[in-house]
Amino acid sequence: MKQYYVYILTNKNNTVLYTGVTNSLTRRIWEHKTHIVDGFTKRYNVTKLVYFEIFNKPSDTIKREKQIKAGSRKKKIELINKLNPKWNELYNLTLLYK
């Protein structure tokens, strides 16, 4: 079954947050890390995966992404702190979800 992901990235100082959605978490995070795609994450060097959720339906994934994006920065930080209080890099975990 196909899986879909909502994720939050930050920079090395944990000061910038970016929320995205993808159907291939490993590939997408690798694209952010290697700066293949121009834009916000490349400009602000936002490459550290600190949070993600897994979904089975694209519509649920997009709905959740919009929920997270609509929330305040404080809400995003609370979300990350709940599951990853040390803000560890989670990229290696994505290899389990290929």
N, C-alpha and C. Protein backbone atom coordinates (compact mmCIF):
# COMPACT_ATOMS: atom_id res chain seq x y z
N MET A 1 0.84 -1.20 0.00
CA MET A 1 0.00 0.00 0.00
C MET A 1 0.88 1.25 0.00
N LYS A 2 0.50 2.20 -0.81
CA LYS A 2 1.22 3.46 -0.91
C LYS A 2 1.07 4.25 0.39
N GLN A 3 2.16 4.92 0.78
CA GLN A 3 2.11 5.76 1.98
C GLN A 3 2.44 7.20 1.61
N TYR A 4 1.92 8.11 2.41
CA TYR A 4 2.12 9.54 2.21
C TYR A 4 2.57 10.15 3.53
N TYR A 5 3.29 11.25 3.45
CA TYR A 5 3.92 11.81 4.64
C TYR A 5 3.75 13.31 4.73
N VAL A 6 3.54 13.79 5.94
CA VAL A 6 3.65 15.20 6.28
C VAL A 6 4.91 15.29 7.14
N TYR A 7 5.73 16.29 6.87
CA TYR A 7 6.99 16.39 7.61
C TYR A 7 7.31 17.83 7.96
N ILE A 8 8.15 17.96 8.98
CA ILE A 8 8.65 19.28 9.37
C ILE A 8 10.17 19.22 9.38
N LEU A 9 10.76 20.20 8.71
CA LEU A 9 12.22 20.36 8.67
C LEU A 9 12.60 21.62 9.43
N THR A 10 13.84 21.64 9.87
CA THR A 10 14.39 22.85 10.47
C THR A 10 15.83 23.02 9.98
N ASN A 11 16.46 24.10 10.40
CA ASN A 11 17.87 24.33 10.08
C ASN A 11 18.74 23.84 11.25
N LYS A 12 20.05 23.98 11.13
CA LYS A 12 20.94 23.43 12.16
C LYS A 12 20.75 24.08 13.53
N ASN A 13 20.27 25.33 13.56
CA ASN A 13 20.05 26.02 14.83
C ASN A 13 18.62 25.89 15.33
N ASN A 14 17.79 25.13 14.62
CA ASN A 14 16.38 24.91 14.98
C ASN A 14 15.58 26.22 15.06
N THR A 15 15.90 27.15 14.18
CA THR A 15 15.22 28.45 14.21
C THR A 15 14.21 28.65 13.08
N VAL A 16 14.33 27.87 12.01
CA VAL A 16 13.44 28.00 10.86
C VAL A 16 12.65 26.69 10.74
N LEU A 17 11.35 26.79 10.48
CA LEU A 17 10.52 25.60 10.32
C LEU A 17 9.90 25.58 8.93
N TYR A 18 9.83 24.39 8.35
CA TYR A 18 9.21 24.19 7.05
C TYR A 18 8.35 22.94 7.12
N THR A 19 7.11 23.03 6.66
CA THR A 19 6.20 21.89 6.64
C THR A 19 5.96 21.50 5.19
N GLY A 20 6.06 20.20 4.91
CA GLY A 20 5.85 19.72 3.56
C GLY A 20 5.08 18.41 3.53
N VAL A 21 4.77 17.96 2.33
CA VAL A 21 4.05 16.71 2.11
C VAL A 21 4.71 15.98 0.95
N THR A 22 4.74 14.64 1.00
CA THR A 22 5.38 13.86 -0.05
C THR A 22 4.85 12.43 -0.06
N ASN A 23 5.10 11.74 -1.15
CA ASN A 23 4.77 10.32 -1.21
C ASN A 23 6.02 9.46 -1.08
N SER A 24 7.18 10.10 -0.94
CA SER A 24 8.45 9.39 -0.75
C SER A 24 9.33 10.21 0.20
N LEU A 25 9.24 9.92 1.47
CA LEU A 25 9.92 10.73 2.48
C LEU A 25 11.44 10.69 2.31
N THR A 26 12.00 9.52 2.10
CA THR A 26 13.46 9.42 1.94
C THR A 26 13.95 10.25 0.76
N ARG A 27 13.28 10.10 -0.39
CA ARG A 27 13.68 10.86 -1.58
C ARG A 27 13.54 12.36 -1.35
N ARG A 28 12.41 12.77 -0.77
CA ARG A 28 12.15 14.20 -0.61
C ARG A 28 13.12 14.86 0.36
N ILE A 29 13.43 14.19 1.45
CA ILE A 29 14.37 14.77 2.41
C ILE A 29 15.76 14.83 1.78
N TRP A 30 16.13 13.79 1.03
CA TRP A 30 17.41 13.80 0.32
C TRP A 30 17.47 15.00 -0.63
N GLU A 31 16.36 15.30 -1.32
CA GLU A 31 16.32 16.46 -2.22
C GLU A 31 16.54 17.76 -1.45
N HIS A 32 15.95 17.86 -0.26
CA HIS A 32 16.18 19.06 0.56
C HIS A 32 17.65 19.12 0.99
N LYS A 33 18.20 18.00 1.42
CA LYS A 33 19.58 17.98 1.92
C LYS A 33 20.60 18.30 0.84
N THR A 34 20.32 17.91 -0.39
CA THR A 34 21.27 18.14 -1.48
C THR A 34 20.97 19.41 -2.27
N HIS A 35 19.95 20.16 -1.83
CA HIS A 35 19.58 21.44 -2.43
C HIS A 35 19.30 21.34 -3.93
N ILE A 36 18.70 20.24 -4.34
CA ILE A 36 18.36 20.04 -5.75
C ILE A 36 17.30 21.03 -6.21
N VAL A 37 16.35 21.33 -5.34
CA VAL A 37 15.24 22.20 -5.71
C VAL A 37 15.44 23.59 -5.10
N ASP A 38 15.34 24.60 -5.97
CA ASP A 38 15.43 25.98 -5.49
C ASP A 38 14.20 26.31 -4.65
N GLY A 39 14.36 27.24 -3.74
CA GLY A 39 13.22 27.69 -2.95
C GLY A 39 13.59 27.94 -1.50
N PHE A 40 12.57 27.94 -0.66
CA PHE A 40 12.70 28.29 0.75
C PHE A 40 13.74 27.44 1.48
N THR A 41 13.64 26.12 1.34
CA THR A 41 14.54 25.25 2.11
C THR A 41 15.99 25.40 1.67
N LYS A 42 16.20 25.62 0.40
CA LYS A 42 17.57 25.85 -0.08
C LYS A 42 18.09 27.20 0.41
N ARG A 43 17.26 28.21 0.30
CA ARG A 43 17.65 29.57 0.70
C ARG A 43 18.03 29.64 2.18
N TYR A 44 17.27 28.93 3.02
CA TYR A 44 17.50 29.01 4.47
C TYR A 44 18.19 27.76 5.04
N ASN A 45 18.70 26.90 4.16
CA ASN A 45 19.42 25.69 4.55
C ASN A 45 18.61 24.86 5.56
N VAL A 46 17.38 24.61 5.22
CA VAL A 46 16.46 23.85 6.07
C VAL A 46 16.52 22.39 5.60
N THR A 47 17.30 21.58 6.32
CA THR A 47 17.57 20.21 5.86
C THR A 47 17.41 19.15 6.94
N LYS A 48 17.09 19.53 8.14
CA LYS A 48 17.04 18.59 9.27
C LYS A 48 15.60 18.14 9.53
N LEU A 49 15.34 16.87 9.31
CA LEU A 49 14.01 16.31 9.54
C LEU A 49 13.81 16.10 11.04
N VAL A 50 12.79 16.75 11.60
CA VAL A 50 12.55 16.63 13.05
C VAL A 50 11.18 16.06 13.38
N TYR A 51 10.33 15.90 12.36
CA TYR A 51 8.98 15.41 12.63
C TYR A 51 8.37 14.88 11.34
N PHE A 52 7.61 13.77 11.45
CA PHE A 52 6.81 13.31 10.32
C PHE A 52 5.67 12.44 10.79
N GLU A 53 4.63 12.40 9.95
CA GLU A 53 3.47 11.56 10.17
C GLU A 53 3.22 10.77 8.89
N ILE A 54 2.66 9.57 9.03
CA ILE A 54 2.41 8.68 7.89
C ILE A 54 0.90 8.54 7.68
N PHE A 55 0.49 8.57 6.41
CA PHE A 55 -0.91 8.42 6.04
C PHE A 55 -1.05 7.44 4.89
N ASN A 56 -2.25 6.89 4.75
CA ASN A 56 -2.54 5.97 3.65
C ASN A 56 -3.26 6.65 2.49
N LYS A 57 -3.89 7.79 2.76
CA LYS A 57 -4.64 8.49 1.73
C LYS A 57 -4.07 9.88 1.50
N PRO A 58 -3.87 10.25 0.22
CA PRO A 58 -3.35 11.59 -0.08
C PRO A 58 -4.23 12.69 0.49
N SER A 59 -5.54 12.52 0.45
CA SER A 59 -6.44 13.57 0.94
C SER A 59 -6.24 13.81 2.44
N ASP A 60 -6.04 12.75 3.21
CA ASP A 60 -5.78 12.90 4.65
C ASP A 60 -4.45 13.60 4.89
N THR A 61 -3.49 13.30 4.05
CA THR A 61 -2.15 13.89 4.18
C THR A 61 -2.21 15.40 3.93
N ILE A 62 -2.88 15.78 2.87
CA ILE A 62 -2.98 17.20 2.52
C ILE A 62 -3.79 17.95 3.57
N LYS A 63 -4.85 17.32 4.07
CA LYS A 63 -5.66 17.94 5.13
C LYS A 63 -4.80 18.21 6.37
N ARG A 64 -3.97 17.23 6.74
CA ARG A 64 -3.12 17.38 7.92
C ARG A 64 -2.05 18.44 7.69
N GLU A 65 -1.47 18.48 6.50
CA GLU A 65 -0.47 19.50 6.19
C GLU A 65 -1.07 20.90 6.35
N LYS A 66 -2.28 21.08 5.84
CA LYS A 66 -2.95 22.38 5.95
C LYS A 66 -3.22 22.74 7.41
N GLN A 67 -3.59 21.72 8.20
CA GLN A 67 -3.82 21.93 9.64
C GLN A 67 -2.55 22.43 10.31
N ILE A 68 -1.44 21.75 10.04
CA ILE A 68 -0.16 22.11 10.66
C ILE A 68 0.27 23.51 10.20
N LYS A 69 0.19 23.76 8.90
CA LYS A 69 0.60 25.06 8.37
C LYS A 69 -0.25 26.20 8.91
N ALA A 70 -1.52 25.93 9.17
CA ALA A 70 -2.42 26.97 9.68
C ALA A 70 -2.16 27.27 11.15
N GLY A 71 -1.50 26.35 11.83
CA GLY A 71 -1.21 26.55 13.25
C GLY A 71 -0.06 27.52 13.47
N SER A 72 0.04 27.99 14.66
CA SER A 72 1.10 28.94 15.01
C SER A 72 2.45 28.22 15.09
N ARG A 73 3.50 29.00 15.11
CA ARG A 73 4.84 28.46 15.30
C ARG A 73 4.90 27.69 16.63
N LYS A 74 4.26 28.25 17.65
CA LYS A 74 4.22 27.61 18.97
C LYS A 74 3.61 26.21 18.87
N LYS A 75 2.53 26.08 18.11
CA LYS A 75 1.87 24.77 17.95
C LYS A 75 2.80 23.77 17.24
N LYS A 76 3.53 24.25 16.25
CA LYS A 76 4.46 23.38 15.54
C LYS A 76 5.58 22.90 16.48
N ILE A 77 6.08 23.82 17.29
CA ILE A 77 7.12 23.47 18.25
C ILE A 77 6.60 22.46 19.26
N GLU A 78 5.38 22.65 19.73
CA GLU A 78 4.78 21.70 20.67
C GLU A 78 4.64 20.32 20.03
N LEU A 79 4.25 20.28 18.77
CA LEU A 79 4.11 19.03 18.03
C LEU A 79 5.44 18.30 17.95
N ILE A 80 6.49 19.02 17.60
CA ILE A 80 7.83 18.43 17.51
C ILE A 80 8.28 17.96 18.89
N ASN A 81 8.12 18.82 19.90
CA ASN A 81 8.58 18.47 21.26
C ASN A 81 7.89 17.23 21.81
N LYS A 82 6.65 17.01 21.42
CA LYS A 82 5.90 15.86 21.92
C LYS A 82 6.53 14.53 21.45
N LEU A 83 6.96 14.50 20.18
CA LEU A 83 7.50 13.25 19.62
C LEU A 83 9.02 13.22 19.51
N ASN A 84 9.64 14.38 19.51
CA ASN A 84 11.09 14.44 19.33
C ASN A 84 11.65 15.59 20.17
N PRO A 85 11.59 15.46 21.51
CA PRO A 85 11.94 16.57 22.41
C PRO A 85 13.37 17.09 22.27
N LYS A 86 14.28 16.27 21.79
CA LYS A 86 15.67 16.74 21.60
C LYS A 86 15.92 17.26 20.19
N TRP A 87 14.89 17.24 19.37
CA TRP A 87 14.98 17.69 17.99
C TRP A 87 16.10 16.96 17.24
N ASN A 88 16.17 15.67 17.44
CA ASN A 88 17.16 14.85 16.74
C ASN A 88 16.84 14.75 15.26
N GLU A 89 17.85 14.57 14.46
CA GLU A 89 17.70 14.33 13.02
C GLU A 89 17.05 12.97 12.83
N LEU A 90 15.94 12.92 12.08
CA LEU A 90 15.20 11.68 11.89
C LEU A 90 15.38 11.08 10.50
N TYR A 91 16.26 11.63 9.71
CA TYR A 91 16.41 11.17 8.32
C TYR A 91 16.69 9.68 8.23
N ASN A 92 17.53 9.14 9.11
CA ASN A 92 17.83 7.71 9.04
C ASN A 92 16.59 6.85 9.26
N LEU A 93 15.63 7.33 10.02
CA LEU A 93 14.38 6.59 10.20
C LEU A 93 13.60 6.45 8.90
N THR A 94 13.77 7.40 7.99
CA THR A 94 13.02 7.36 6.74
C THR A 94 13.40 6.14 5.92
N LEU A 95 14.59 5.62 6.13
CA LEU A 95 15.02 4.44 5.37
C LEU A 95 14.14 3.24 5.68
N LEU A 96 13.48 3.24 6.82
CA LEU A 96 12.56 2.17 7.19
C LEU A 96 11.25 2.25 6.42
N TYR A 97 10.96 3.42 5.85
CA TYR A 97 9.66 3.65 5.20
C TYR A 97 9.77 3.76 3.69
N LYS A 98 10.78 3.18 3.12
CA LYS A 98 10.97 3.26 1.66
C LYS A 98 9.87 2.52 0.94
